[in-house]
Amino acid sequence: MQLTSLFNVRAIIVALLGGSFAIFANMISLVMIGKINERVQESERVSYFWWGTEVRKKFKGLYPESKLTLLLDLCVALMVLCFSILLWVWVFH
């Protein structure tokens, strides 16, 4: 059985794009954590291993003019869009 019979090329490309956006969003979040930790006291620092949605709020509060939050939101939206397209391409066609 060929690989292309199970997965078509469009599905593979869309999955790779969605995964790339997910990795890029994670990298942006880690940069945001680093910038947050530069500004706050040691007791208020965010862990690189255990973090959640508070990172975006804290970063937006400390750096209101930064475009990183917009870039993070864009990556997350494109990731969701790619995986929705993947579902449509892979399951429904």
PDB file of N, CA and C in Angstrom:
ATOM      1  N   MET A   1       0.832  -1.170   0.000  1.00  0.00           N
ATOM      2  CA  MET A   1       0.000   0.000   0.000  1.00  0.00           C
ATOM      3  C   MET A   1       0.886   1.246   0.000  1.00  0.00           C
ATOM      4  N   GLN A   2       0.568   2.177  -0.847  1.00  0.00           N
ATOM      5  CA  GLN A   2       1.350   3.398  -0.938  1.00  0.00           C
ATOM      6  C   GLN A   2       0.908   4.386   0.141  1.00  0.00           C
ATOM      7  N   LEU A   3       1.836   5.232   0.521  1.00  0.00           N
ATOM      8  CA  LEU A   3       1.536   6.245   1.519  1.00  0.00           C
ATOM      9  C   LEU A   3       0.511   7.243   1.001  1.00  0.00           C
ATOM     10  N   THR A   4       0.576   7.554  -0.270  1.00  0.00           N
ATOM     11  CA  THR A   4      -0.351   8.553  -0.811  1.00  0.00           C
ATOM     12  C   THR A   4      -1.773   8.040  -0.893  1.00  0.00           C
ATOM     13  N   SER A   5      -1.983   6.726  -0.821  1.00  0.00           N
ATOM     14  CA  SER A   5      -3.352   6.241  -0.813  1.00  0.00           C
ATOM     15  C   SER A   5      -4.005   6.463   0.559  1.00  0.00           C
ATOM     16  N   LEU A   6      -3.206   6.447   1.617  1.00  0.00           N
ATOM     17  CA  LEU A   6      -3.736   6.691   2.955  1.00  0.00           C
ATOM     18  C   LEU A   6      -3.827   8.188   3.251  1.00  0.00           C
ATOM     19  N   PHE A   7      -2.788   8.908   2.912  1.00  0.00           N
ATOM     20  CA  PHE A   7      -2.744  10.355   3.104  1.00  0.00           C
ATOM     21  C   PHE A   7      -2.481  10.997   1.758  1.00  0.00           C
ATOM     22  N   ASN A   8      -3.328  11.921   1.360  1.00  0.00           N
ATOM     23  CA  ASN A   8      -3.006  12.618   0.123  1.00  0.00           C
ATOM     24  C   ASN A   8      -2.033  13.753   0.407  1.00  0.00           C
ATOM     25  N   VAL A   9      -1.439  14.276  -0.636  1.00  0.00           N
ATOM     26  CA  VAL A   9      -0.375  15.269  -0.484  1.00  0.00           C
ATOM     27  C   VAL A   9      -0.906  16.550   0.164  1.00  0.00           C
ATOM     28  N   ARG A  10      -2.127  16.939  -0.171  1.00  0.00           N
ATOM     29  CA  ARG A  10      -2.703  18.149   0.429  1.00  0.00           C
ATOM     30  C   ARG A  10      -2.824  18.007   1.942  1.00  0.00           C
ATOM     31  N   ALA A  11      -3.240  16.844   2.404  1.00  0.00           N
ATOM     32  CA  ALA A  11      -3.387  16.631   3.845  1.00  0.00           C
ATOM     33  C   ALA A  11      -2.037  16.705   4.549  1.00  0.00           C
ATOM     34  N   ILE A  12      -1.014  16.150   3.928  1.00  0.00           N
ATOM     35  CA  ILE A  12       0.323  16.190   4.523  1.00  0.00           C
ATOM     36  C   ILE A  12       0.830  17.627   4.611  1.00  0.00           C
ATOM     37  N   ILE A  13       0.638  18.413   3.547  1.00  0.00           N
ATOM     38  CA  ILE A  13       1.101  19.800   3.530  1.00  0.00           C
ATOM     39  C   ILE A  13       0.361  20.631   4.573  1.00  0.00           C
ATOM     40  N   VAL A  14      -0.954  20.454   4.652  1.00  0.00           N
ATOM     41  CA  VAL A  14      -1.740  21.210   5.635  1.00  0.00           C
ATOM     42  C   VAL A  14      -1.350  20.817   7.056  1.00  0.00           C
ATOM     43  N   ALA A  15      -1.095  19.540   7.301  1.00  0.00           N
ATOM     44  CA  ALA A  15      -0.675  19.094   8.636  1.00  0.00           C
ATOM     45  C   ALA A  15       0.688  19.683   9.005  1.00  0.00           C
ATOM     46  N   LEU A  16       1.599  19.728   8.050  1.00  0.00           N
ATOM     47  CA  LEU A  16       2.910  20.323   8.316  1.00  0.00           C
ATOM     48  C   LEU A  16       2.805  21.820   8.587  1.00  0.00           C
ATOM     49  N   LEU A  17       1.944  22.511   7.849  1.00  0.00           N
ATOM     50  CA  LEU A  17       1.742  23.940   8.097  1.00  0.00           C
ATOM     51  C   LEU A  17       1.143  24.183   9.474  1.00  0.00           C
ATOM     52  N   GLY A  18       0.127  23.404   9.833  1.00  0.00           N
ATOM     53  CA  GLY A  18      -0.486  23.548  11.149  1.00  0.00           C
ATOM     54  C   GLY A  18       0.493  23.262  12.269  1.00  0.00           C
ATOM     55  N   GLY A  19       1.305  22.234  12.098  1.00  0.00           N
ATOM     56  CA  GLY A  19       2.326  21.924  13.096  1.00  0.00           C
ATOM     57  C   GLY A  19       3.374  23.022  13.199  1.00  0.00           C
ATOM     58  N   SER A  20       3.724  23.618  12.065  1.00  0.00           N
ATOM     59  CA  SER A  20       4.692  24.725  12.075  1.00  0.00           C
ATOM     60  C   SER A  20       4.145  25.926  12.826  1.00  0.00           C
ATOM     61  N   PHE A  21       2.865  26.237  12.610  1.00  0.00           N
ATOM     62  CA  PHE A  21       2.259  27.352  13.351  1.00  0.00           C
ATOM     63  C   PHE A  21       2.199  27.051  14.846  1.00  0.00           C
ATOM     64  N   ALA A  22       1.951  25.798  15.211  1.00  0.00           N
ATOM     65  CA  ALA A  22       1.909  25.419  16.625  1.00  0.00           C
ATOM     66  C   ALA A  22       3.288  25.583  17.269  1.00  0.00           C
ATOM     67  N   ILE A  23       4.315  25.144  16.586  1.00  0.00           N
ATOM     68  CA  ILE A  23       5.678  25.273  17.116  1.00  0.00           C
ATOM     69  C   ILE A  23       6.078  26.736  17.208  1.00  0.00           C
ATOM     70  N   PHE A  24       5.731  27.522  16.194  1.00  0.00           N
ATOM     71  CA  PHE A  24       6.060  28.947  16.195  1.00  0.00           C
ATOM     72  C   PHE A  24       5.330  29.676  17.327  1.00  0.00           C
ATOM     73  N   ALA A  25       4.062  29.318  17.575  1.00  0.00           N
ATOM     74  CA  ALA A  25       3.316  29.926  18.678  1.00  0.00           C
ATOM     75  C   ALA A  25       3.964  29.578  20.019  1.00  0.00           C
ATOM     76  N   ASN A  26       4.439  28.357  20.165  1.00  0.00           N
ATOM     77  CA  ASN A  26       5.124  27.960  21.393  1.00  0.00           C
ATOM     78  C   ASN A  26       6.423  28.737  21.564  1.00  0.00           C
ATOM     79  N   MET A  27       7.158  28.928  20.498  1.00  0.00           N
ATOM     80  CA  MET A  27       8.408  29.691  20.575  1.00  0.00           C
ATOM     81  C   MET A  27       8.134  31.146  20.962  1.00  0.00           C
ATOM     82  N   ILE A  28       7.081  31.732  20.410  1.00  0.00           N
ATOM     83  CA  ILE A  28       6.720  33.105  20.771  1.00  0.00           C
ATOM     84  C   ILE A  28       6.346  33.180  22.249  1.00  0.00           C
ATOM     85  N   SER A  29       5.616  32.188  22.738  1.00  0.00           N
ATOM     86  CA  SER A  29       5.247  32.167  24.155  1.00  0.00           C
ATOM     87  C   SER A  29       6.484  32.087  25.039  1.00  0.00           C
ATOM     88  N   LEU A  30       7.471  31.311  24.637  1.00  0.00           N
ATOM     89  CA  LEU A  30       8.701  31.209  25.426  1.00  0.00           C
ATOM     90  C   LEU A  30       9.473  32.526  25.422  1.00  0.00           C
ATOM     91  N   VAL A  31       9.471  33.235  24.301  1.00  0.00           N
ATOM     92  CA  VAL A  31      10.106  34.556  24.249  1.00  0.00           C
ATOM     93  C   VAL A  31       9.369  35.521  25.171  1.00  0.00           C
ATOM     94  N   MET A  32       8.050  35.448  25.167  1.00  0.00           N
ATOM     95  CA  MET A  32       7.251  36.309  26.039  1.00  0.00           C
ATOM     96  C   MET A  32       7.548  36.021  27.505  1.00  0.00           C
ATOM     97  N   ILE A  33       7.705  34.751  27.859  1.00  0.00           N
ATOM     98  CA  ILE A  33       8.041  34.390  29.241  1.00  0.00           C
ATOM     99  C   ILE A  33       9.398  34.969  29.622  1.00  0.00           C
ATOM    100  N   GLY A  34      10.359  34.896  28.710  1.00  0.00           N
ATOM    101  CA  GLY A  34      11.675  35.465  28.982  1.00  0.00           C
ATOM    102  C   GLY A  34      11.616  36.968  29.223  1.00  0.00           C
ATOM    103  N   LYS A  35      10.821  37.659  28.416  1.00  0.00           N
ATOM    104  CA  LYS A  35      10.693  39.111  28.598  1.00  0.00           C
ATOM    105  C   LYS A  35       9.950  39.454  29.890  1.00  0.00           C
ATOM    106  N   ILE A  36       8.948  38.642  30.241  1.00  0.00           N
ATOM    107  CA  ILE A  36       8.239  38.858  31.510  1.00  0.00           C
ATOM    108  C   ILE A  36       9.206  38.674  32.667  1.00  0.00           C
ATOM    109  N   ASN A  37       9.988  37.607  32.636  1.00  0.00           N
ATOM    110  CA  ASN A  37      10.906  37.298  33.739  1.00  0.00           C
ATOM    111  C   ASN A  37      12.018  38.338  33.876  1.00  0.00           C
ATOM    112  N   GLU A  38      12.322  39.081  32.817  1.00  0.00           N
ATOM    113  CA  GLU A  38      13.311  40.153  32.923  1.00  0.00           C
ATOM    114  C   GLU A  38      12.796  41.318  33.755  1.00  0.00           C
ATOM    115  N   ARG A  39      11.502  41.544  33.723  1.00  0.00           N
ATOM    116  CA  ARG A  39      10.911  42.727  34.350  1.00  0.00           C
ATOM    117  C   ARG A  39      10.354  42.512  35.754  1.00  0.00           C
ATOM    118  N   VAL A  40       9.901  41.315  36.075  1.00  0.00           N
ATOM    119  CA  VAL A  40       9.238  41.096  37.362  1.00  0.00           C
ATOM    120  C   VAL A  40      10.239  40.614  38.408  1.00  0.00           C
ATOM    121  N   GLN A  41       9.796  40.663  39.655  1.00  0.00           N
ATOM    122  CA  GLN A  41      10.636  40.174  40.750  1.00  0.00           C
ATOM    123  C   GLN A  41      10.749  38.658  40.662  1.00  0.00           C
ATOM    124  N   GLU A  42      11.725  38.135  41.351  1.00  0.00           N
ATOM    125  CA  GLU A  42      11.979  36.688  41.292  1.00  0.00           C
ATOM    126  C   GLU A  42      10.804  35.866  41.812  1.00  0.00           C
ATOM    127  N   SER A  43      10.066  36.380  42.757  1.00  0.00           N
ATOM    128  CA  SER A  43       8.928  35.636  43.305  1.00  0.00           C
ATOM    129  C   SER A  43       7.738  35.596  42.342  1.00  0.00           C
ATOM    130  N   GLU A  44       7.705  36.490  41.380  1.00  0.00           N
ATOM    131  CA  GLU A  44       6.584  36.562  40.435  1.00  0.00           C
ATOM    132  C   GLU A  44       6.927  35.986  39.059  1.00  0.00           C
ATOM    133  N   ARG A  45       8.067  35.388  38.922  1.00  0.00           N
ATOM    134  CA  ARG A  45       8.486  34.876  37.621  1.00  0.00           C
ATOM    135  C   ARG A  45       7.629  33.708  37.158  1.00  0.00           C
ATOM    136  N   VAL A  46       7.545  33.569  35.847  1.00  0.00           N
ATOM    137  CA  VAL A  46       6.763  32.505  35.219  1.00  0.00           C
ATOM    138  C   VAL A  46       7.717  31.372  34.851  1.00  0.00           C
ATOM    139  N   SER A  47       7.324  30.154  35.143  1.00  0.00           N
ATOM    140  CA  SER A  47       8.148  29.000  34.827  1.00  0.00           C
ATOM    141  C   SER A  47       8.087  28.704  33.329  1.00  0.00           C
ATOM    142  N   TYR A  48       9.196  28.285  32.773  1.00  0.00           N
ATOM    143  CA  TYR A  48       9.224  27.891  31.356  1.00  0.00           C
ATOM    144  C   TYR A  48       8.525  26.554  31.137  1.00  0.00           C
ATOM    145  N   PHE A  49       8.376  25.760  32.199  1.00  0.00           N
ATOM    146  CA  PHE A  49       7.795  24.430  32.048  1.00  0.00           C
ATOM    147  C   PHE A  49       6.310  24.385  32.362  1.00  0.00           C
ATOM    148  N   TRP A  50       5.832  25.197  33.322  1.00  0.00           N
ATOM    149  CA  TRP A  50       4.429  25.169  33.709  1.00  0.00           C
ATOM    150  C   TRP A  50       3.850  26.559  33.547  1.00  0.00           C
ATOM    151  N   TRP A  51       3.243  26.802  32.412  1.00  0.00           N
ATOM    152  CA  TRP A  51       2.634  28.101  32.164  1.00  0.00           C
ATOM    153  C   TRP A  51       1.325  27.900  31.421  1.00  0.00           C
ATOM    154  N   GLY A  52       0.518  28.944  31.420  1.00  0.00           N
ATOM    155  CA  GLY A  52      -0.791  28.854  30.782  1.00  0.00           C
ATOM    156  C   GLY A  52      -1.160  30.172  30.123  1.00  0.00           C
ATOM    157  N   THR A  53      -2.429  30.480  30.167  1.00  0.00           N
ATOM    158  CA  THR A  53      -2.921  31.675  29.479  1.00  0.00           C
ATOM    159  C   THR A  53      -2.544  32.967  30.192  1.00  0.00           C
ATOM    160  N   GLU A  54      -2.063  32.880  31.413  1.00  0.00           N
ATOM    161  CA  GLU A  54      -1.685  34.099  32.121  1.00  0.00           C
ATOM    162  C   GLU A  54      -0.477  34.779  31.488  1.00  0.00           C
ATOM    163  N   VAL A  55       0.284  34.058  30.698  1.00  0.00           N
ATOM    164  CA  VAL A  55       1.470  34.627  30.053  1.00  0.00           C
ATOM    165  C   VAL A  55       1.072  35.772  29.125  1.00  0.00           C
ATOM    166  N   ARG A  56       0.049  35.562  28.335  1.00  0.00           N
ATOM    167  CA  ARG A  56      -0.379  36.599  27.393  1.00  0.00           C
ATOM    168  C   ARG A  56      -0.865  37.842  28.136  1.00  0.00           C
ATOM    169  N   LYS A  57      -1.633  37.644  29.208  1.00  0.00           N
ATOM    170  CA  LYS A  57      -2.152  38.778  29.986  1.00  0.00           C
ATOM    171  C   LYS A  57      -1.026  39.560  30.654  1.00  0.00           C
ATOM    172  N   LYS A  58      -0.097  38.842  31.277  1.00  0.00           N
ATOM    173  CA  LYS A  58       1.027  39.502  31.945  1.00  0.00           C
ATOM    174  C   LYS A  58       1.883  40.254  30.936  1.00  0.00           C
ATOM    175  N   PHE A  59       2.145  39.612  29.799  1.00  0.00           N
ATOM    176  CA  PHE A  59       2.982  40.248  28.788  1.00  0.00           C
ATOM    177  C   PHE A  59       2.312  41.502  28.248  1.00  0.00           C
ATOM    178  N   LYS A  60       1.018  41.419  27.977  1.00  0.00           N
ATOM    179  CA  LYS A  60       0.281  42.573  27.466  1.00  0.00           C
ATOM    180  C   LYS A  60       0.279  43.710  28.479  1.00  0.00           C
ATOM    181  N   GLY A  61       0.230  43.374  29.764  1.00  0.00           N
ATOM    182  CA  GLY A  61       0.287  44.397  30.808  1.00  0.00           C
ATOM    183  C   GLY A  61       1.650  45.061  30.906  1.00  0.00           C
ATOM    184  N   LEU A  62       2.709  44.274  30.737  1.00  0.00           N
ATOM    185  CA  LEU A  62       4.066  44.824  30.853  1.00  0.00           C
ATOM    186  C   LEU A  62       4.539  45.502  29.574  1.00  0.00           C
ATOM    187  N   TYR A  63       4.120  44.990  28.433  1.00  0.00           N
ATOM    188  CA  TYR A  63       4.537  45.516  27.138  1.00  0.00           C
ATOM    189  C   TYR A  63       3.301  45.796  26.274  1.00  0.00           C
ATOM    190  N   PRO A  64       2.572  46.878  26.552  1.00  0.00           N
ATOM    191  CA  PRO A  64       1.323  47.118  25.811  1.00  0.00           C
ATOM    192  C   PRO A  64       1.532  47.440  24.336  1.00  0.00           C
ATOM    193  N   GLU A  65       2.692  47.932  23.955  1.00  0.00           N
ATOM    194  CA  GLU A  65       2.939  48.311  22.561  1.00  0.00           C
ATOM    195  C   GLU A  65       3.566  47.199  21.728  1.00  0.00           C
ATOM    196  N   SER A  66       3.865  46.069  22.340  1.00  0.00           N
ATOM    197  CA  SER A  66       4.555  44.986  21.637  1.00  0.00           C
ATOM    198  C   SER A  66       3.623  44.273  20.659  1.00  0.00           C
ATOM    199  N   LYS A  67       4.187  43.847  19.562  1.00  0.00           N
ATOM    200  CA  LYS A  67       3.431  43.124  18.536  1.00  0.00           C
ATOM    201  C   LYS A  67       3.486  41.610  18.730  1.00  0.00           C
ATOM    202  N   LEU A  68       4.172  41.140  19.760  1.00  0.00           N
ATOM    203  CA  LEU A  68       4.279  39.695  19.985  1.00  0.00           C
ATOM    204  C   LEU A  68       2.934  39.060  20.308  1.00  0.00           C
ATOM    205  N   THR A  69       2.076  39.777  21.027  1.00  0.00           N
ATOM    206  CA  THR A  69       0.763  39.211  21.334  1.00  0.00           C
ATOM    207  C   THR A  69      -0.076  39.068  20.076  1.00  0.00           C
ATOM    208  N   LEU A  70       0.023  40.046  19.178  1.00  0.00           N
ATOM    209  CA  LEU A  70      -0.685  39.947  17.899  1.00  0.00           C
ATOM    210  C   LEU A  70      -0.151  38.778  17.074  1.00  0.00           C
ATOM    211  N   LEU A  71       1.162  38.615  17.068  1.00  0.00           N
ATOM    212  CA  LEU A  71       1.775  37.507  16.328  1.00  0.00           C
ATOM    213  C   LEU A  71       1.392  36.160  16.931  1.00  0.00           C
ATOM    214  N   LEU A  72       1.323  36.085  18.249  1.00  0.00           N
ATOM    215  CA  LEU A  72       0.895  34.860  18.916  1.00  0.00           C
ATOM    216  C   LEU A  72      -0.550  34.529  18.557  1.00  0.00           C
ATOM    217  N   ASP A  73      -1.428  35.528  18.616  1.00  0.00           N
ATOM    218  CA  ASP A  73      -2.833  35.310  18.263  1.00  0.00           C
ATOM    219  C   ASP A  73      -2.976  34.875  16.809  1.00  0.00           C
ATOM    220  N   LEU A  74      -2.194  35.470  15.935  1.00  0.00           N
ATOM    221  CA  LEU A  74      -2.228  35.106  14.515  1.00  0.00           C
ATOM    222  C   LEU A  74      -1.782  33.663  14.309  1.00  0.00           C
ATOM    223  N   CYS A  75      -0.716  33.251  14.984  1.00  0.00           N
ATOM    224  CA  CYS A  75      -0.234  31.876  14.859  1.00  0.00           C
ATOM    225  C   CYS A  75      -1.264  30.871  15.373  1.00  0.00           C
ATOM    226  N   VAL A  76      -1.891  31.189  16.487  1.00  0.00           N
ATOM    227  CA  VAL A  76      -2.896  30.279  17.038  1.00  0.00           C
ATOM    228  C   VAL A  76      -4.100  30.184  16.106  1.00  0.00           C
ATOM    229  N   ALA A  77      -4.531  31.318  15.560  1.00  0.00           N
ATOM    230  CA  ALA A  77      -5.668  31.306  14.634  1.00  0.00           C
ATOM    231  C   ALA A  77      -5.334  30.519  13.361  1.00  0.00           C
ATOM    232  N   LEU A  78      -4.134  30.712  12.829  1.00  0.00           N
ATOM    233  CA  LEU A  78      -3.736  29.970  11.625  1.00  0.00           C
ATOM    234  C   LEU A  78      -3.571  28.480  11.910  1.00  0.00           C
ATOM    235  N   MET A  79      -3.125  28.142  13.111  1.00  0.00           N
ATOM    236  CA  MET A  79      -3.013  26.738  13.489  1.00  0.00           C
ATOM    237  C   MET A  79      -4.391  26.084  13.526  1.00  0.00           C
ATOM    238  N   VAL A  80      -5.349  26.746  14.140  1.00  0.00           N
ATOM    239  CA  VAL A  80      -6.710  26.216  14.204  1.00  0.00           C
ATOM    240  C   VAL A  80      -7.304  26.108  12.800  1.00  0.00           C
ATOM    241  N   LEU A  81      -7.067  27.103  11.970  1.00  0.00           N
ATOM    242  CA  LEU A  81      -7.557  27.072  10.596  1.00  0.00           C
ATOM    243  C   LEU A  81      -6.941  25.908   9.815  1.00  0.00           C
ATOM    244  N   CYS A  82      -5.638  25.712   9.957  1.00  0.00           N
ATOM    245  CA  CYS A  82      -4.978  24.609   9.245  1.00  0.00           C
ATOM    246  C   CYS A  82      -5.508  23.253   9.693  1.00  0.00           C
ATOM    247  N   PHE A  83      -5.708  23.068  10.975  1.00  0.00           N
ATOM    248  CA  PHE A  83      -6.204  21.781  11.430  1.00  0.00           C
ATOM    249  C   PHE A  83      -7.678  21.577  11.079  1.00  0.00           C
ATOM    250  N   SER A  84      -8.434  22.670  10.955  1.00  0.00           N
ATOM    251  CA  SER A  84      -9.806  22.547  10.455  1.00  0.00           C
ATOM    252  C   SER A  84      -9.809  22.140   8.983  1.00  0.00           C
ATOM    253  N   ILE A  85      -8.927  22.738   8.202  1.00  0.00           N
ATOM    254  CA  ILE A  85      -8.790  22.367   6.794  1.00  0.00           C
ATOM    255  C   ILE A  85      -8.307  20.931   6.678  1.00  0.00           C
ATOM    256  N   LEU A  86      -7.397  20.525   7.550  1.00  0.00           N
ATOM    257  CA  LEU A  86      -6.913  19.148   7.549  1.00  0.00           C
ATOM    258  C   LEU A  86      -8.055  18.172   7.810  1.00  0.00           C
ATOM    259  N   LEU A  87      -8.897  18.500   8.750  1.00  0.00           N
ATOM    260  CA  LEU A  87     -10.060  17.656   9.026  1.00  0.00           C
ATOM    261  C   LEU A  87     -10.955  17.554   7.793  1.00  0.00           C
ATOM    262  N   TRP A  88     -11.177  18.667   7.133  1.00  0.00           N
ATOM    263  CA  TRP A  88     -12.022  18.685   5.940  1.00  0.00           C
ATOM    264  C   TRP A  88     -11.378  17.888   4.801  1.00  0.00           C
ATOM    265  N   VAL A  89     -10.082  18.076   4.580  1.00  0.00           N
ATOM    266  CA  VAL A  89      -9.393  17.395   3.477  1.00  0.00           C
ATOM    267  C   VAL A  89      -9.251  15.907   3.744  1.00  0.00           C
ATOM    268  N   TRP A  90      -8.905  15.539   4.966  1.00  0.00           N
ATOM    269  CA  TRP A  90      -8.589  14.159   5.273  1.00  0.00           C
ATOM    270  C   TRP A  90      -9.838  13.322   5.507  1.00  0.00           C
ATOM    271  N   VAL A  91     -10.816  13.863   6.205  1.00  0.00           N
ATOM    272  CA  VAL A  91     -11.972  13.062   6.586  1.00  0.00           C
ATOM    273  C   VAL A  91     -13.080  13.131   5.545  1.00  0.00           C
ATOM    274  N   PHE A  92     -13.356  14.312   5.056  1.00  0.00           N
ATOM    275  CA  PHE A  92     -14.523  14.486   4.216  1.00  0.00           C
ATOM    276  C   PHE A  92     -14.256  14.378   2.717  1.00  0.00           C
ATOM    277  N   HIS A  93     -13.023  14.155   2.323  1.00  0.00           N
ATOM    278  CA  HIS A  93     -12.730  13.959   0.896  1.00  0.00           C
ATOM    279  C   HIS A  93     -11.973  12.691   0.648  1.00  0.00           C
TER     280      HIS A  93
END
